Amino acid sequence: MLDRLLGRATLKDRIEELEEEVASLEGRLEGESERRREAVAARNEAEAEANRLEKRVEELEDRVARAESGEDVVDFRGEETLTGERVARIRERLASVECGREGAFSAYVAEGDDLPEAVREAFGERTPLVARAAPCLVYRDDAGLVAAALDPPVAPEPFTAWSDGFRVEREWLEPVGKYAFALVRTDTFALGVYDEGGRTSFEGFTSDVMGQHSKGGWSQARFERRRDEQVDAHLENVRAALDGVEDVDAVYVTGEKSLLAEFRDRADVTAPVDATGDPEDALGEAHADFWRVPLRLL
């Protein structure tokens, strides 16, 4: 009775209506967020598949070009992706090879289009394989018993050298010392500090970045402008996190290829990886992928 006299009943009814509206909007927002996450995940998977197919197409185009040119088709004697202790064993095996004076050739080749003359002389008819494997470390002894290429995670400056043993430094191929390792995607960031490959700290976050534009609602231009603003804000937070890294020997930044140029001034090495998902899980996947070492027998 008193509520009706004071108009409280109407207000209570209105409050209930507004609470129902809020609940409905929260439900819609949650649905939109889920669809956005699904769209981002689908995009990431598509990028990974596109990268894989792009590499395969390049390999096939190279084979076709060599076949059409009449060039003798030579192929790798074997291929393997080294991980963990296998990397250490292969490195130690190469380091243990002893040759006579000037009997072991080592080189790092950054580009396959313009190989140093020393590489061409060392590998002869197998030189095209070096070009296909580049960028890579290459090793060959003067008797031809060893002929191999390794794609190091941490590349040295290009060099060529004949010596009595192969030049193969551990820090080119394996985690050494204390370093920061980061994964950067348009909506995800993860950062770990590692000591000899073991993680000692972690931080990570995700940002609400729009996925694919759908028909209706915002115009394409407005959508892209808003999405770019969200990505820029995300990357600004990433830069702040990287700037806070201290007391490490090196900083490695991995992630989406299109973003890596933004961090070359903050990283010793940058590398594209396709790791996705929860920041901590994605960081572990990216770290493992970064330290994989492709081996090709020439």
Protein backbone atom coordinates (compact mmCIF):
# COMPACT_ATOMS: atom_id res chain seq x y z
CA MET A 1 0.00 0.00 0.00
CA LEU A 2 2.72 2.43 1.04
CA ASP A 3 4.86 1.42 -1.98
CA ARG A 4 1.98 2.22 -4.33
CA LEU A 5 1.31 5.57 -2.63
CA LEU A 6 4.96 6.62 -2.91
CA GLY A 7 5.37 5.31 -6.46
CA ARG A 8 7.86 2.68 -5.31
CA ALA A 9 6.00 -0.18 -6.97
CA THR A 10 6.51 1.39 -10.39
CA LEU A 11 10.15 1.97 -9.66
CA LYS A 12 10.64 -1.61 -8.48
CA ASP A 13 9.00 -2.89 -11.66
CA ARG A 14 11.30 -0.69 -13.72
CA ILE A 15 14.36 -1.92 -11.78
CA GLU A 16 13.38 -5.51 -12.49
CA GLU A 17 12.98 -4.70 -16.19
CA LEU A 18 16.40 -3.04 -16.29
CA GLU A 19 18.01 -5.96 -14.46
CA GLU A 20 16.52 -8.32 -17.05
CA GLU A 21 17.90 -6.07 -19.83
CA VAL A 22 21.33 -6.09 -18.20
CA ALA A 23 21.25 -9.88 -17.93
CA SER A 24 20.23 -10.12 -21.58
CA LEU A 25 23.01 -7.75 -22.69
CA GLU A 26 25.58 -9.64 -20.62
CA GLY A 27 24.46 -12.85 -22.30
CA ARG A 28 24.82 -11.25 -25.74
CA LEU A 29 28.24 -9.86 -24.81
CA GLU A 30 29.41 -13.28 -23.64
CA GLY A 31 28.17 -14.79 -26.89
CA GLU A 32 29.98 -12.14 -28.95
CA SER A 33 33.20 -12.71 -26.99
CA GLU A 34 33.00 -16.44 -27.59
CA ARG A 35 32.40 -15.92 -31.31
CA ARG A 36 35.32 -13.51 -31.38
CA ARG A 37 37.61 -16.08 -29.73
CA GLU A 38 36.47 -18.72 -32.19
CA ALA A 39 37.14 -16.35 -35.11
CA VAL A 40 40.66 -15.57 -33.82
CA ALA A 41 41.41 -19.27 -33.29
CA ALA A 42 40.17 -20.06 -36.81
CA ARG A 43 42.37 -17.31 -38.23
CA ASN A 44 45.42 -18.59 -36.36
CA GLU A 45 44.85 -22.13 -37.61
CA ALA A 46 44.42 -20.82 -41.15
CA GLU A 47 47.72 -18.90 -40.88
CA ALA A 48 49.56 -22.00 -39.72
CA GLU A 49 48.14 -24.08 -42.56
CA ALA A 50 48.92 -21.33 -45.09
CA ASN A 51 52.54 -21.20 -43.91
CA ARG A 52 52.89 -24.97 -44.22
CA LEU A 53 51.41 -24.98 -47.72
CA GLU A 54 53.53 -22.01 -48.77
CA LYS A 55 56.71 -23.90 -47.84
CA ARG A 56 55.50 -26.97 -49.71
CA VAL A 57 54.69 -24.92 -52.81
CA GLU A 58 58.17 -23.35 -52.75
CA GLU A 59 59.76 -26.81 -52.59
CA LEU A 60 57.68 -28.10 -55.50
CA GLU A 61 58.29 -24.98 -57.61
CA ASP A 62 62.02 -25.37 -57.04
CA ARG A 63 61.91 -29.01 -58.18
CA VAL A 64 59.90 -28.11 -61.29
CA ALA A 65 62.27 -25.26 -62.18
CA ARG A 66 65.32 -27.51 -61.86
CA ALA A 67 63.68 -30.26 -63.89
CA GLU A 68 62.65 -27.86 -66.68
CA SER A 69 66.14 -26.32 -66.83
CA GLY A 70 67.67 -29.73 -67.46
CA GLU A 71 69.72 -29.43 -64.29
CA ASP A 72 70.68 -32.69 -62.67
CA VAL A 73 68.18 -33.25 -59.91
CA VAL A 74 69.96 -33.94 -56.63
CA ASP A 75 68.15 -34.44 -53.39
CA PHE A 76 68.93 -34.55 -49.71
CA ARG A 77 70.21 -37.90 -48.49
CA GLY A 78 68.02 -37.53 -45.42
CA GLU A 79 66.09 -35.00 -43.37
CA GLU A 80 65.30 -34.84 -39.65
CA THR A 81 64.05 -32.27 -37.15
CA LEU A 82 66.22 -32.37 -34.04
CA THR A 83 64.84 -31.60 -30.59
CA GLY A 84 66.09 -31.71 -26.99
CA GLU A 85 68.95 -34.10 -26.30
CA ARG A 86 69.13 -35.10 -29.96
CA VAL A 87 70.36 -31.58 -30.77
CA ALA A 88 73.12 -31.90 -28.17
CA ARG A 89 74.18 -35.33 -29.44
CA ILE A 90 74.45 -34.18 -33.06
CA ARG A 91 76.31 -31.03 -32.06
CA GLU A 92 78.77 -33.03 -29.96
CA ARG A 93 79.26 -35.52 -32.77
CA LEU A 94 80.11 -32.75 -35.24
CA ALA A 95 82.43 -31.11 -32.71
CA SER A 96 84.25 -34.42 -32.15
CA VAL A 97 85.21 -34.88 -35.81
CA GLU A 98 88.97 -34.46 -36.25
CA CYS A 99 90.48 -33.87 -39.63
CA GLY A 100 93.91 -33.08 -40.85
CA ARG A 101 95.02 -29.50 -41.23
CA GLU A 102 92.42 -27.59 -43.28
CA GLY A 103 90.36 -30.78 -43.62
CA ALA A 104 87.03 -29.60 -42.23
CA PHE A 105 84.86 -26.94 -43.91
CA SER A 106 82.32 -24.92 -41.92
CA ALA A 107 80.12 -22.06 -43.08
CA TYR A 108 76.98 -20.13 -42.29
CA VAL A 109 75.03 -19.24 -45.42
CA ALA A 110 72.37 -16.54 -44.98
CA GLU A 111 71.01 -16.57 -48.53
CA GLY A 112 70.77 -19.28 -51.14
CA ASP A 113 70.79 -16.95 -54.17
CA ASP A 114 74.41 -15.79 -53.87
CA LEU A 115 76.55 -18.50 -52.33
CA PRO A 116 80.20 -17.75 -51.48
CA GLU A 117 82.72 -19.28 -53.86
CA ALA A 118 84.25 -21.23 -50.95
CA VAL A 119 80.90 -22.99 -50.45
CA ARG A 120 80.64 -23.83 -54.15
CA GLU A 121 84.15 -25.27 -54.16
CA ALA A 122 83.52 -27.31 -51.02
CA PHE A 123 80.23 -28.88 -52.16
CA GLY A 124 80.66 -29.11 -55.93
CA GLU A 125 77.67 -30.78 -57.57
CA ARG A 126 75.84 -30.79 -54.21
CA THR A 127 75.91 -26.97 -54.06
CA PRO A 128 72.25 -26.64 -55.16
CA LEU A 129 71.28 -28.47 -51.97
CA VAL A 130 73.05 -25.82 -49.90
CA ALA A 131 71.09 -23.13 -51.73
CA ARG A 132 67.83 -24.98 -50.98
CA ALA A 133 68.70 -25.44 -47.31
CA ALA A 134 69.78 -21.79 -46.74
CA PRO A 135 69.80 -20.05 -44.39
CA CYS A 136 71.86 -22.72 -42.68
CA LEU A 137 75.11 -23.90 -41.18
CA VAL A 138 76.91 -26.31 -43.52
CA TYR A 139 79.65 -28.82 -42.80
CA ARG A 140 81.77 -31.02 -45.06
CA ASP A 141 85.07 -32.83 -44.58
CA ASP A 142 87.61 -33.10 -47.37
CA ALA A 143 86.89 -36.83 -47.82
CA GLY A 144 83.14 -36.26 -48.22
CA LEU A 145 82.26 -38.50 -45.27
CA VAL A 146 80.37 -35.66 -43.56
CA ALA A 147 78.08 -33.34 -45.51
CA ALA A 148 75.25 -31.74 -43.59
CA ALA A 149 73.21 -28.57 -43.12
CA LEU A 150 71.65 -27.33 -39.88
CA ASP A 151 69.16 -24.47 -39.53
CA PRO A 152 70.20 -22.84 -36.22
CA PRO A 153 67.67 -21.02 -34.00
CA VAL A 154 70.32 -18.36 -33.27
CA ALA A 155 72.17 -17.60 -36.48
CA PRO A 156 75.78 -16.34 -36.45
CA GLU A 157 77.14 -13.80 -38.89
CA PRO A 158 77.90 -15.41 -42.29
CA PHE A 159 81.35 -17.04 -42.43
CA THR A 160 83.36 -19.68 -44.27
CA ALA A 161 86.33 -21.52 -42.77
CA TRP A 162 88.59 -24.52 -43.37
CA SER A 163 90.13 -25.93 -40.19
CA ASP A 164 91.07 -29.20 -38.51
CA GLY A 165 87.56 -29.46 -37.01
CA PHE A 166 84.05 -28.14 -37.53
CA ARG A 167 83.00 -24.80 -36.06
CA VAL A 168 79.77 -25.58 -34.21
CA GLU A 169 78.95 -23.38 -31.22
CA ARG A 170 76.46 -24.55 -28.62
CA GLU A 171 74.71 -21.16 -28.35
CA TRP A 172 73.72 -21.34 -32.03
CA LEU A 173 71.71 -24.51 -31.50
CA GLU A 174 70.74 -24.89 -27.84
CA PRO A 175 69.45 -22.73 -24.96
CA VAL A 176 72.40 -21.20 -23.14
CA GLY A 177 72.53 -18.85 -20.16
CA LYS A 178 69.68 -16.69 -18.91
CA TYR A 179 67.32 -15.30 -21.54
CA ALA A 180 63.84 -13.88 -22.06
CA PHE A 181 61.55 -15.59 -24.54
CA ALA A 182 58.32 -13.98 -25.75
CA LEU A 183 55.36 -14.91 -27.93
CA VAL A 184 53.43 -12.06 -29.59
CA ARG A 185 50.13 -12.39 -31.43
CA THR A 186 47.55 -9.71 -32.21
CA ASP A 187 45.51 -10.75 -29.17
CA THR A 188 47.96 -12.74 -27.03
CA PHE A 189 51.25 -12.10 -25.27
CA ALA A 190 53.37 -14.44 -23.18
CA LEU A 191 56.82 -13.91 -21.71
CA GLY A 192 59.10 -16.27 -19.84
CA VAL A 193 62.56 -15.93 -18.37
CA TYR A 194 64.66 -19.07 -18.82
CA ASP A 195 67.95 -20.32 -17.44
CA GLU A 196 69.66 -22.96 -19.60
CA GLY A 197 66.27 -23.75 -21.15
CA GLY A 198 64.35 -24.11 -17.86
CA ARG A 199 61.67 -21.49 -17.24
CA THR A 200 62.02 -19.49 -14.02
CA SER A 201 59.21 -16.94 -14.43
CA PHE A 202 56.12 -16.25 -16.54
CA GLU A 203 53.72 -13.46 -17.37
CA GLY A 204 51.07 -13.26 -20.04
CA PHE A 205 47.81 -11.67 -21.07
CA THR A 206 45.20 -11.62 -23.79
CA SER A 207 43.50 -8.55 -25.27
CA ASP A 208 40.00 -8.15 -26.63
CA VAL A 209 40.70 -7.75 -30.35
CA MET A 210 37.97 -8.02 -32.94
CA GLY A 211 38.03 -11.04 -35.18
CA GLN A 212 36.62 -11.12 -38.70
CA HIS A 213 34.20 -8.47 -39.95
CA SER A 214 30.67 -9.71 -40.49
CA LYS A 215 27.97 -8.16 -42.67
CA GLY A 216 25.77 -5.62 -41.00
CA GLY A 217 26.62 -3.42 -38.04
CA TRP A 218 29.81 -1.44 -38.43
CA SER A 219 31.13 -0.44 -41.84
CA GLN A 220 34.29 -2.22 -43.00
CA ALA A 221 36.36 0.97 -42.64
CA ARG A 222 35.07 1.63 -39.13
CA PHE A 223 35.63 -2.00 -38.17
CA GLU A 224 39.22 -2.00 -39.43
CA ARG A 225 39.96 1.32 -37.72
CA ARG A 226 38.60 0.05 -34.41
CA ARG A 227 40.46 -3.26 -34.74
CA ASP A 228 43.73 -1.45 -35.54
CA GLU A 229 43.27 0.65 -32.40
CA GLN A 230 42.77 -2.50 -30.33
CA VAL A 231 45.87 -4.14 -31.82
CA ASP A 232 47.94 -0.97 -31.26
CA ALA A 233 46.86 -0.86 -27.62
CA HIS A 234 47.76 -4.54 -27.24
CA LEU A 235 51.20 -4.02 -28.79
CA GLU A 236 51.84 -1.02 -26.55
CA ASN A 237 51.28 -3.27 -23.52
CA VAL A 238 53.62 -5.83 -25.10
CA ARG A 239 56.36 -3.22 -25.51
CA ALA A 240 55.96 -2.15 -21.90
CA ALA A 241 56.33 -5.77 -20.75
CA LEU A 242 59.46 -6.30 -22.87
CA ASP A 243 60.96 -3.04 -21.66
CA GLY A 244 60.63 -4.36 -18.12
CA VAL A 245 62.92 -7.33 -18.79
CA GLU A 246 66.21 -7.05 -16.92
CA ASP A 247 69.34 -9.08 -16.18
CA VAL A 248 69.18 -11.46 -19.15
CA ASP A 249 71.81 -12.36 -21.72
CA ALA A 250 69.44 -12.32 -24.69
CA VAL A 251 65.84 -11.61 -25.69
CA TYR A 252 64.03 -13.79 -28.24
CA VAL A 253 60.69 -12.65 -29.66
CA THR A 254 58.51 -15.04 -31.65
CA GLY A 255 54.97 -14.94 -33.00
CA GLU A 256 53.01 -13.67 -35.97
CA LYS A 257 55.34 -12.83 -38.84
CA SER A 258 53.53 -9.56 -39.59
CA LEU A 259 54.22 -8.25 -36.05
CA LEU A 260 57.88 -9.16 -35.58
CA ALA A 261 59.27 -6.02 -37.24
CA GLU A 262 57.74 -4.04 -34.36
CA PHE A 263 60.14 -5.69 -31.90
CA ARG A 264 63.45 -6.04 -33.73
CA ASP A 265 64.88 -3.15 -31.73
CA ARG A 266 64.02 -4.99 -28.49
CA ALA A 267 65.10 -8.51 -29.50
CA ASP A 268 68.36 -10.26 -30.29
CA VAL A 269 66.46 -12.75 -32.47
CA THR A 270 62.94 -12.75 -33.92
CA ALA A 271 61.27 -15.79 -35.49
CA PRO A 272 57.78 -16.59 -36.77
CA VAL A 273 55.92 -19.40 -34.98
CA ASP A 274 52.35 -20.66 -35.23
CA ALA A 275 51.72 -21.30 -31.51
CA THR A 276 48.17 -20.50 -30.38
CA GLY A 277 45.88 -20.94 -27.40
CA ASP A 278 46.20 -20.03 -23.74
CA PRO A 279 49.23 -17.73 -23.18
CA GLU A 280 51.17 -20.15 -20.99
CA ASP A 281 50.49 -23.18 -23.18
CA ALA A 282 51.22 -21.16 -26.33
CA LEU A 283 54.52 -19.97 -24.85
CA GLY A 284 55.59 -23.56 -24.20
CA GLU A 285 54.68 -24.54 -27.75
CA ALA A 286 56.52 -21.53 -29.21
CA HIS A 287 59.63 -22.21 -27.10
CA ALA A 288 59.77 -25.83 -28.22
CA ASP A 289 59.23 -24.83 -31.85
CA PHE A 290 61.94 -22.15 -31.73
CA TRP A 291 64.59 -24.58 -30.47
CA ARG A 292 63.85 -27.27 -33.08
CA VAL A 293 66.77 -27.71 -35.47
CA PRO A 294 66.15 -29.00 -39.01
CA LEU A 295 68.99 -31.28 -40.19
CA ARG A 296 69.55 -32.10 -43.85
CA LEU A 297 72.16 -34.52 -45.16
CA LEU A 298 73.72 -33.12 -48.34
